[in-house]
Amino acid sequence: MAEETKKDEDAEKLSEAPAGDTVAAGTAHADAATEGESVKMADDDETGLDPVEALIAERDSLKDQLLRALADVENMRRRTEREMETARKYGHTGFSRDLVGAIDNLGRAVEAAPKGEETPGAEAIDGLVTGIEMSWQEIQATMERHGIRRISPKGEKFDYNLHQAMFEMPSADLAPGTVVEVVQHGYVLHDRLLRPAMVGVSKAAAPQENSEDGAEKS
């Protein structure tokens, strides 16, 4: 209702105004609208970008981002290769540092051993044996600290994952497949096999039918 009332009032004012004033007012309104559109087009020409130029700018920006990403990937690849090479070279530094002490002790024991035709005394032999035993214990402790475990399976059930059978030995006292002799000890690193243990395995003893038959005939 308010809008209709306002429209009626405007119509009455126009009808009451002289004809010249009405035409002048319409012309001024049209000129103002035309001027506003001209100003808007001028602003668009000054601040707006050509669509082709905008696409070119966006392409250049994406190309720059792509080149930067490729450079980052290449730098990461080279850094990873350097780190892997360093790990391959020096990954066992701790183990080597612990092992050289045992090697030094073993060297001292060897140097203290009698040389040439010198007849070794009981004291010299005892010192040599003690030095070798101490070096052996230190080597074993070093290996255990670094996850290397010795496989000594005598009396255990044969395990093809850890053992390698070298021969079979008949045994009436042991169950077939039992390790009766260790020819060479094996080693594992954590849960990975370094070297299988070379072992002799028991088998069932052959029946003594021939001897029993001979005893009956006699």
C-alpha atoms as a PDB file:
ATOM      1  CA  MET A   1       0.000   0.000   0.000  1.00  0.00           C
ATOM      2  CA  ALA A   2       2.862   2.405   0.804  1.00  0.00           C
ATOM      3  CA  GLU A   3       4.487   1.809  -2.595  1.00  0.00           C
ATOM      4  CA  GLU A   4       1.192   2.412  -4.425  1.00  0.00           C
ATOM      5  CA  THR A   5       0.660   5.631  -2.467  1.00  0.00           C
ATOM      6  CA  LYS A   6       4.194   6.808  -3.346  1.00  0.00           C
ATOM      7  CA  LYS A   7       3.630   6.043  -7.044  1.00  0.00           C
ATOM      8  CA  ASP A   8       0.362   8.032  -6.992  1.00  0.00           C
ATOM      9  CA  GLU A   9       2.103  11.004  -5.372  1.00  0.00           C
ATOM     10  CA  ASP A  10       4.905  10.938  -7.973  1.00  0.00           C
ATOM     11  CA  ALA A  11       2.364  10.778 -10.763  1.00  0.00           C
ATOM     12  CA  GLU A  12       0.491  13.752  -9.342  1.00  0.00           C
ATOM     13  CA  LYS A  13       3.709  15.786  -9.088  1.00  0.00           C
ATOM     14  CA  LEU A  14       4.585  15.051 -12.705  1.00  0.00           C
ATOM     15  CA  SER A  15       1.104  15.949 -13.868  1.00  0.00           C
ATOM     16  CA  GLU A  16       1.219  19.211 -11.936  1.00  0.00           C
ATOM     17  CA  ALA A  17       4.713  20.133 -13.176  1.00  0.00           C
ATOM     18  CA  PRO A  18       5.073  22.080 -16.410  1.00  0.00           C
ATOM     19  CA  ALA A  19       5.736  20.055 -19.534  1.00  0.00           C
ATOM     20  CA  GLY A  20       9.200  21.525 -20.024  1.00  0.00           C
ATOM     21  CA  ASP A  21      10.269  20.644 -16.519  1.00  0.00           C
ATOM     22  CA  THR A  22       9.105  17.058 -17.040  1.00  0.00           C
ATOM     23  CA  VAL A  23      11.110  16.623 -20.226  1.00  0.00           C
ATOM     24  CA  ALA A  24      14.168  18.205 -18.682  1.00  0.00           C
ATOM     25  CA  ALA A  25      13.965  15.900 -15.681  1.00  0.00           C
ATOM     26  CA  GLY A  26      13.721  12.820 -17.915  1.00  0.00           C
ATOM     27  CA  THR A  27      16.625  13.994 -20.030  1.00  0.00           C
ATOM     28  CA  ALA A  28      18.794  14.632 -16.974  1.00  0.00           C
ATOM     29  CA  HIS A  29      17.969  11.203 -15.596  1.00  0.00           C
ATOM     30  CA  ALA A  30      18.921   9.553 -18.904  1.00  0.00           C
ATOM     31  CA  ASP A  31      22.171  11.529 -19.089  1.00  0.00           C
ATOM     32  CA  ALA A  32      23.078  10.489 -15.548  1.00  0.00           C
ATOM     33  CA  ALA A  33      22.460   6.824 -16.351  1.00  0.00           C
ATOM     34  CA  THR A  34      24.551   7.057 -19.527  1.00  0.00           C
ATOM     35  CA  GLU A  35      27.371   8.775 -17.631  1.00  0.00           C
ATOM     36  CA  GLY A  36      27.308   6.050 -14.960  1.00  0.00           C
ATOM     37  CA  GLU A  37      27.617   3.311 -17.544  1.00  0.00           C
ATOM     38  CA  SER A  38      30.513   5.140 -19.233  1.00  0.00           C
ATOM     39  CA  VAL A  39      32.358   5.488 -15.913  1.00  0.00           C
ATOM     40  CA  LYS A  40      31.818   1.773 -15.176  1.00  0.00           C
ATOM     41  CA  MET A  41      33.209   0.745 -18.597  1.00  0.00           C
ATOM     42  CA  ALA A  42      36.215   3.014 -18.087  1.00  0.00           C
ATOM     43  CA  ASP A  43      36.894   1.438 -14.677  1.00  0.00           C
ATOM     44  CA  ASP A  44      36.679  -2.050 -16.211  1.00  0.00           C
ATOM     45  CA  ASP A  45      39.139  -1.065 -18.924  1.00  0.00           C
ATOM     46  CA  GLU A  46      41.597   0.324 -16.369  1.00  0.00           C
ATOM     47  CA  THR A  47      41.469  -2.473 -13.733  1.00  0.00           C
ATOM     48  CA  GLY A  48      40.273  -5.547 -15.640  1.00  0.00           C
ATOM     49  CA  LEU A  49      42.626  -7.962 -17.512  1.00  0.00           C
ATOM     50  CA  ASP A  50      42.210  -9.311 -20.951  1.00  0.00           C
ATOM     51  CA  PRO A  51      41.018 -12.964 -20.749  1.00  0.00           C
ATOM     52  CA  VAL A  52      43.998 -14.177 -22.783  1.00  0.00           C
ATOM     53  CA  GLU A  53      46.433 -12.316 -20.565  1.00  0.00           C
ATOM     54  CA  ALA A  54      44.726 -13.748 -17.493  1.00  0.00           C
ATOM     55  CA  LEU A  55      45.107 -17.297 -18.826  1.00  0.00           C
ATOM     56  CA  ILE A  56      48.762 -16.675 -19.680  1.00  0.00           C
ATOM     57  CA  ALA A  57      49.418 -15.345 -16.174  1.00  0.00           C
ATOM     58  CA  GLU A  58      47.712 -18.357 -14.608  1.00  0.00           C
ATOM     59  CA  ARG A  59      49.716 -20.709 -16.843  1.00  0.00           C
ATOM     60  CA  ASP A  60      52.992 -19.048 -15.857  1.00  0.00           C
ATOM     61  CA  SER A  61      52.047 -19.306 -12.176  1.00  0.00           C
ATOM     62  CA  LEU A  62      51.225 -23.015 -12.437  1.00  0.00           C
ATOM     63  CA  LYS A  63      54.408 -23.658 -14.404  1.00  0.00           C
ATOM     64  CA  ASP A  64      56.461 -21.952 -11.700  1.00  0.00           C
ATOM     65  CA  GLN A  65      54.771 -24.041  -9.003  1.00  0.00           C
ATOM     66  CA  LEU A  66      55.411 -27.235 -10.974  1.00  0.00           C
ATOM     67  CA  LEU A  67      59.099 -26.430 -11.459  1.00  0.00           C
ATOM     68  CA  ARG A  68      59.484 -25.709  -7.753  1.00  0.00           C
ATOM     69  CA  ALA A  69      57.798 -29.005  -6.848  1.00  0.00           C
ATOM     70  CA  LEU A  70      60.041 -30.938  -9.249  1.00  0.00           C
ATOM     71  CA  ALA A  71      63.116 -29.252  -7.778  1.00  0.00           C
ATOM     72  CA  ASP A  72      61.995 -30.195  -4.240  1.00  0.00           C
ATOM     73  CA  VAL A  73      61.459 -33.826  -5.272  1.00  0.00           C
ATOM     74  CA  GLU A  74      64.879 -33.995  -6.919  1.00  0.00           C
ATOM     75  CA  ASN A  75      66.562 -32.505  -3.852  1.00  0.00           C
ATOM     76  CA  MET A  76      64.772 -35.019  -1.617  1.00  0.00           C
ATOM     77  CA  ARG A  77      65.839 -37.900  -3.862  1.00  0.00           C
ATOM     78  CA  ARG A  78      69.480 -36.835  -3.752  1.00  0.00           C
ATOM     79  CA  ARG A  79      69.370 -36.346   0.017  1.00  0.00           C
ATOM     80  CA  THR A  80      67.823 -39.793   0.483  1.00  0.00           C
ATOM     81  CA  GLU A  81      70.530 -41.381  -1.679  1.00  0.00           C
ATOM     82  CA  ARG A  82      73.240 -39.687   0.381  1.00  0.00           C
ATOM     83  CA  GLU A  83      71.657 -40.862   3.628  1.00  0.00           C
ATOM     84  CA  MET A  84      71.339 -44.432   2.330  1.00  0.00           C
ATOM     85  CA  GLU A  85      74.953 -44.441   1.198  1.00  0.00           C
ATOM     86  CA  THR A  86      76.044 -43.147   4.602  1.00  0.00           C
ATOM     87  CA  ALA A  87      73.992 -45.846   6.330  1.00  0.00           C
ATOM     88  CA  ARG A  88      75.569 -48.544   4.145  1.00  0.00           C
ATOM     89  CA  LYS A  89      79.045 -47.279   4.906  1.00  0.00           C
ATOM     90  CA  TYR A  90      78.802 -46.433   8.586  1.00  0.00           C
ATOM     91  CA  GLY A  91      75.716 -48.287   9.834  1.00  0.00           C
ATOM     92  CA  HIS A  92      77.883 -50.839  11.692  1.00  0.00           C
ATOM     93  CA  THR A  93      80.081 -48.233  13.387  1.00  0.00           C
ATOM     94  CA  GLY A  94      78.849 -49.147  16.876  1.00  0.00           C
ATOM     95  CA  PHE A  95      79.480 -52.841  16.343  1.00  0.00           C
ATOM     96  CA  SER A  96      82.951 -52.162  14.938  1.00  0.00           C
ATOM     97  CA  ARG A  97      83.824 -49.897  17.857  1.00  0.00           C
ATOM     98  CA  ASP A  98      82.857 -52.605  20.346  1.00  0.00           C
ATOM     99  CA  LEU A  99      84.644 -55.325  18.410  1.00  0.00           C
ATOM    100  CA  VAL A 100      88.053 -53.642  18.151  1.00  0.00           C
ATOM    101  CA  GLY A 101      88.508 -53.895  21.917  1.00  0.00           C
ATOM    102  CA  ALA A 102      88.154 -57.679  21.804  1.00  0.00           C
ATOM    103  CA  ILE A 103      90.484 -57.844  18.815  1.00  0.00           C
ATOM    104  CA  ASP A 104      93.103 -55.835  20.722  1.00  0.00           C
ATOM    105  CA  ASN A 105      92.930 -58.255  23.667  1.00  0.00           C
ATOM    106  CA  LEU A 106      93.278 -61.218  21.347  1.00  0.00           C
ATOM    107  CA  GLY A 107      96.281 -59.575  19.709  1.00  0.00           C
ATOM    108  CA  ARG A 108      97.965 -59.059  23.076  1.00  0.00           C
ATOM    109  CA  ALA A 109      97.419 -62.729  23.934  1.00  0.00           C
ATOM    110  CA  VAL A 110      98.992 -63.794  20.642  1.00  0.00           C
ATOM    111  CA  GLU A 111     101.941 -61.465  21.142  1.00  0.00           C
ATOM    112  CA  ALA A 112     102.539 -62.897  24.615  1.00  0.00           C
ATOM    113  CA  ALA A 113     102.712 -66.455  23.245  1.00  0.00           C
ATOM    114  CA  PRO A 114     106.166 -68.110  23.064  1.00  0.00           C
ATOM    115  CA  LYS A 115     107.992 -67.498  19.796  1.00  0.00           C
ATOM    116  CA  GLY A 116     110.249 -69.732  17.738  1.00  0.00           C
ATOM    117  CA  GLU A 117     111.979 -72.550  19.526  1.00  0.00           C
ATOM    118  CA  GLU A 118     111.395 -71.064  22.911  1.00  0.00           C
ATOM    119  CA  THR A 119     109.997 -73.665  25.277  1.00  0.00           C
ATOM    120  CA  PRO A 120     106.784 -72.295  26.755  1.00  0.00           C
ATOM    121  CA  GLY A 121     106.463 -72.429  30.505  1.00  0.00           C
ATOM    122  CA  ALA A 122     103.336 -73.262  32.412  1.00  0.00           C
ATOM    123  CA  GLU A 123     102.821 -69.597  33.282  1.00  0.00           C
ATOM    124  CA  ALA A 124     103.068 -68.518  29.645  1.00  0.00           C
ATOM    125  CA  ILE A 125     100.598 -71.179  28.534  1.00  0.00           C
ATOM    126  CA  ASP A 126      98.158 -70.228  31.307  1.00  0.00           C
ATOM    127  CA  GLY A 127      98.412 -66.556  30.325  1.00  0.00           C
ATOM    128  CA  LEU A 128      97.796 -67.383  26.656  1.00  0.00           C
ATOM    129  CA  VAL A 129      94.759 -69.507  27.452  1.00  0.00           C
ATOM    130  CA  THR A 130      93.357 -66.864  29.805  1.00  0.00           C
ATOM    131  CA  GLY A 131      93.842 -64.116  27.213  1.00  0.00           C
ATOM    132  CA  ILE A 132      92.119 -66.140  24.507  1.00  0.00           C
ATOM    133  CA  GLU A 133      89.204 -67.007  26.804  1.00  0.00           C
ATOM    134  CA  MET A 134      88.740 -63.371  27.801  1.00  0.00           C
ATOM    135  CA  SER A 135      88.831 -62.251  24.161  1.00  0.00           C
ATOM    136  CA  TRP A 136      86.310 -64.936  23.224  1.00  0.00           C
ATOM    137  CA  GLN A 137      83.926 -63.893  25.998  1.00  0.00           C
ATOM    138  CA  GLU A 138      84.221 -60.244  25.003  1.00  0.00           C
ATOM    139  CA  ILE A 139      83.505 -61.060  21.359  1.00  0.00           C
ATOM    140  CA  GLN A 140      80.436 -63.072  22.340  1.00  0.00           C
ATOM    141  CA  ALA A 141      79.163 -60.263  24.577  1.00  0.00           C
ATOM    142  CA  THR A 142      79.681 -57.729  21.785  1.00  0.00           C
ATOM    143  CA  MET A 143      77.766 -59.871  19.338  1.00  0.00           C
ATOM    144  CA  GLU A 144      74.859 -60.326  21.766  1.00  0.00           C
ATOM    145  CA  ARG A 145      74.669 -56.571  22.406  1.00  0.00           C
ATOM    146  CA  HIS A 146      74.197 -56.027  18.695  1.00  0.00           C
ATOM    147  CA  GLY A 147      71.575 -58.736  18.237  1.00  0.00           C
ATOM    148  CA  ILE A 148      73.833 -61.532  16.928  1.00  0.00           C
ATOM    149  CA  ARG A 149      72.993 -64.837  18.589  1.00  0.00           C
ATOM    150  CA  ARG A 150      74.938 -68.074  18.308  1.00  0.00           C
ATOM    151  CA  ILE A 151      73.034 -71.226  17.338  1.00  0.00           C
ATOM    152  CA  SER A 152      74.152 -74.216  19.435  1.00  0.00           C
ATOM    153  CA  PRO A 153      71.427 -76.828  18.878  1.00  0.00           C
ATOM    154  CA  LYS A 154      72.972 -80.014  20.259  1.00  0.00           C
ATOM    155  CA  GLY A 155      70.246 -82.182  21.761  1.00  0.00           C
ATOM    156  CA  GLU A 156      67.466 -80.132  20.141  1.00  0.00           C
ATOM    157  CA  LYS A 157      64.983 -81.129  17.474  1.00  0.00           C
ATOM    158  CA  PHE A 158      66.288 -80.540  13.956  1.00  0.00           C
ATOM    159  CA  ASP A 159      64.898 -77.290  12.503  1.00  0.00           C
ATOM    160  CA  TYR A 160      65.396 -76.835   8.781  1.00  0.00           C
ATOM    161  CA  ASN A 161      64.960 -73.058   9.247  1.00  0.00           C
ATOM    162  CA  LEU A 162      68.109 -72.860  11.385  1.00  0.00           C
ATOM    163  CA  HIS A 163      70.049 -76.088  10.792  1.00  0.00           C
ATOM    164  CA  GLN A 164      71.648 -77.851   7.861  1.00  0.00           C
ATOM    165  CA  ALA A 165      72.050 -81.614   8.144  1.00  0.00           C
ATOM    166  CA  MET A 166      75.500 -82.891   7.176  1.00  0.00           C
ATOM    167  CA  PHE A 167      75.043 -86.561   8.082  1.00  0.00           C
ATOM    168  CA  GLU A 168      72.769 -88.958   9.895  1.00  0.00           C
ATOM    169  CA  MET A 169      73.793 -91.113  12.825  1.00  0.00           C
ATOM    170  CA  PRO A 170      71.860 -94.201  14.058  1.00  0.00           C
ATOM    171  CA  SER A 171      70.839 -93.848  17.665  1.00  0.00           C
ATOM    172  CA  ALA A 172      68.744 -96.084  19.862  1.00  0.00           C
ATOM    173  CA  ASP A 173      68.629 -93.575  22.724  1.00  0.00           C
ATOM    174  CA  LEU A 174      67.526 -90.419  20.862  1.00  0.00           C
ATOM    175  CA  ALA A 175      64.387 -89.799  18.867  1.00  0.00           C
ATOM    176  CA  PRO A 176      64.907 -89.579  15.112  1.00  0.00           C
ATOM    177  CA  GLY A 177      65.594 -86.033  13.951  1.00  0.00           C
ATOM    178  CA  THR A 178      67.532 -84.977  17.043  1.00  0.00           C
ATOM    179  CA  VAL A 179      70.787 -83.006  16.653  1.00  0.00           C
ATOM    180  CA  VAL A 180      73.542 -85.257  17.991  1.00  0.00           C
ATOM    181  CA  GLU A 181      76.593 -83.258  16.888  1.00  0.00           C
ATOM    182  CA  VAL A 182      77.336 -79.663  15.865  1.00  0.00           C
ATOM    183  CA  VAL A 183      79.989 -79.489  13.165  1.00  0.00           C
ATOM    184  CA  GLN A 184      79.781 -75.702  12.806  1.00  0.00           C
ATOM    185  CA  HIS A 185      77.722 -73.269  14.855  1.00  0.00           C
ATOM    186  CA  GLY A 186      75.212 -71.004  13.150  1.00  0.00           C
ATOM    187  CA  TYR A 187      74.300 -67.378  13.815  1.00  0.00           C
ATOM    188  CA  VAL A 188      71.183 -65.223  13.574  1.00  0.00           C
ATOM    189  CA  LEU A 189      70.871 -61.443  13.494  1.00  0.00           C
ATOM    190  CA  HIS A 190      67.730 -60.651  15.498  1.00  0.00           C
ATOM    191  CA  ASP A 191      65.210 -62.783  13.545  1.00  0.00           C
ATOM    192  CA  ARG A 192      67.263 -63.160  10.347  1.00  0.00           C
ATOM    193  CA  LEU A 193      69.489 -66.162   9.702  1.00  0.00           C
ATOM    194  CA  LEU A 194      73.120 -65.295   9.019  1.00  0.00           C
ATOM    195  CA  ARG A 195      74.459 -68.825   8.750  1.00  0.00           C
ATOM    196  CA  PRO A 196      72.781 -72.176   9.452  1.00  0.00           C
ATOM    197  CA  ALA A 197      74.335 -74.550  11.944  1.00  0.00           C
ATOM    198  CA  MET A 198      75.995 -77.580  10.315  1.00  0.00           C
ATOM    199  CA  VAL A 199      74.789 -80.573  12.318  1.00  0.00           C
ATOM    200  CA  GLY A 200      74.578 -84.330  12.479  1.00  0.00           C
ATOM    201  CA  VAL A 201      71.089 -85.746  12.989  1.00  0.00           C
ATOM    202  CA  SER A 202      70.005 -88.970  14.653  1.00  0.00           C
ATOM    203  CA  LYS A 203      67.998 -91.626  12.878  1.00  0.00           C
ATOM    204  CA  ALA A 204      66.353 -94.830  13.998  1.00  0.00           C
ATOM    205  CA  ALA A 205      68.778 -97.654  14.655  1.00  0.00           C
ATOM    206  CA  ALA A 206      68.636-100.539  12.184  1.00  0.00           C
ATOM    207  CA  PRO A 207      66.917-103.674  13.548  1.00  0.00           C
ATOM    208  CA  GLN A 208      69.362-106.398  14.605  1.00  0.00           C
ATOM    209  CA  GLU A 209      67.496-109.260  12.963  1.00  0.00           C
ATOM    210  CA  ASN A 210      70.585-110.728  11.342  1.00  0.00           C
ATOM    211  CA  SER A 211      72.472-110.995  14.609  1.00  0.00           C
ATOM    212  CA  GLU A 212      69.505-112.550  16.381  1.00  0.00           C
ATOM    213  CA  ASP A 213      69.031-115.117  13.576  1.00  0.00           C
ATOM    214  CA  GLY A 214      72.704-115.989  13.764  1.00  0.00           C
ATOM    215  CA  ALA A 215      72.477-116.452  17.518  1.00  0.00           C
ATOM    216  CA  GLU A 216      69.515-118.824  17.141  1.00  0.00           C
ATOM    217  CA  LYS A 217      71.278-120.935  14.478  1.00  0.00           C
ATOM    218  CA  SER A 218      74.320-121.277  16.660  1.00  0.00           C
END
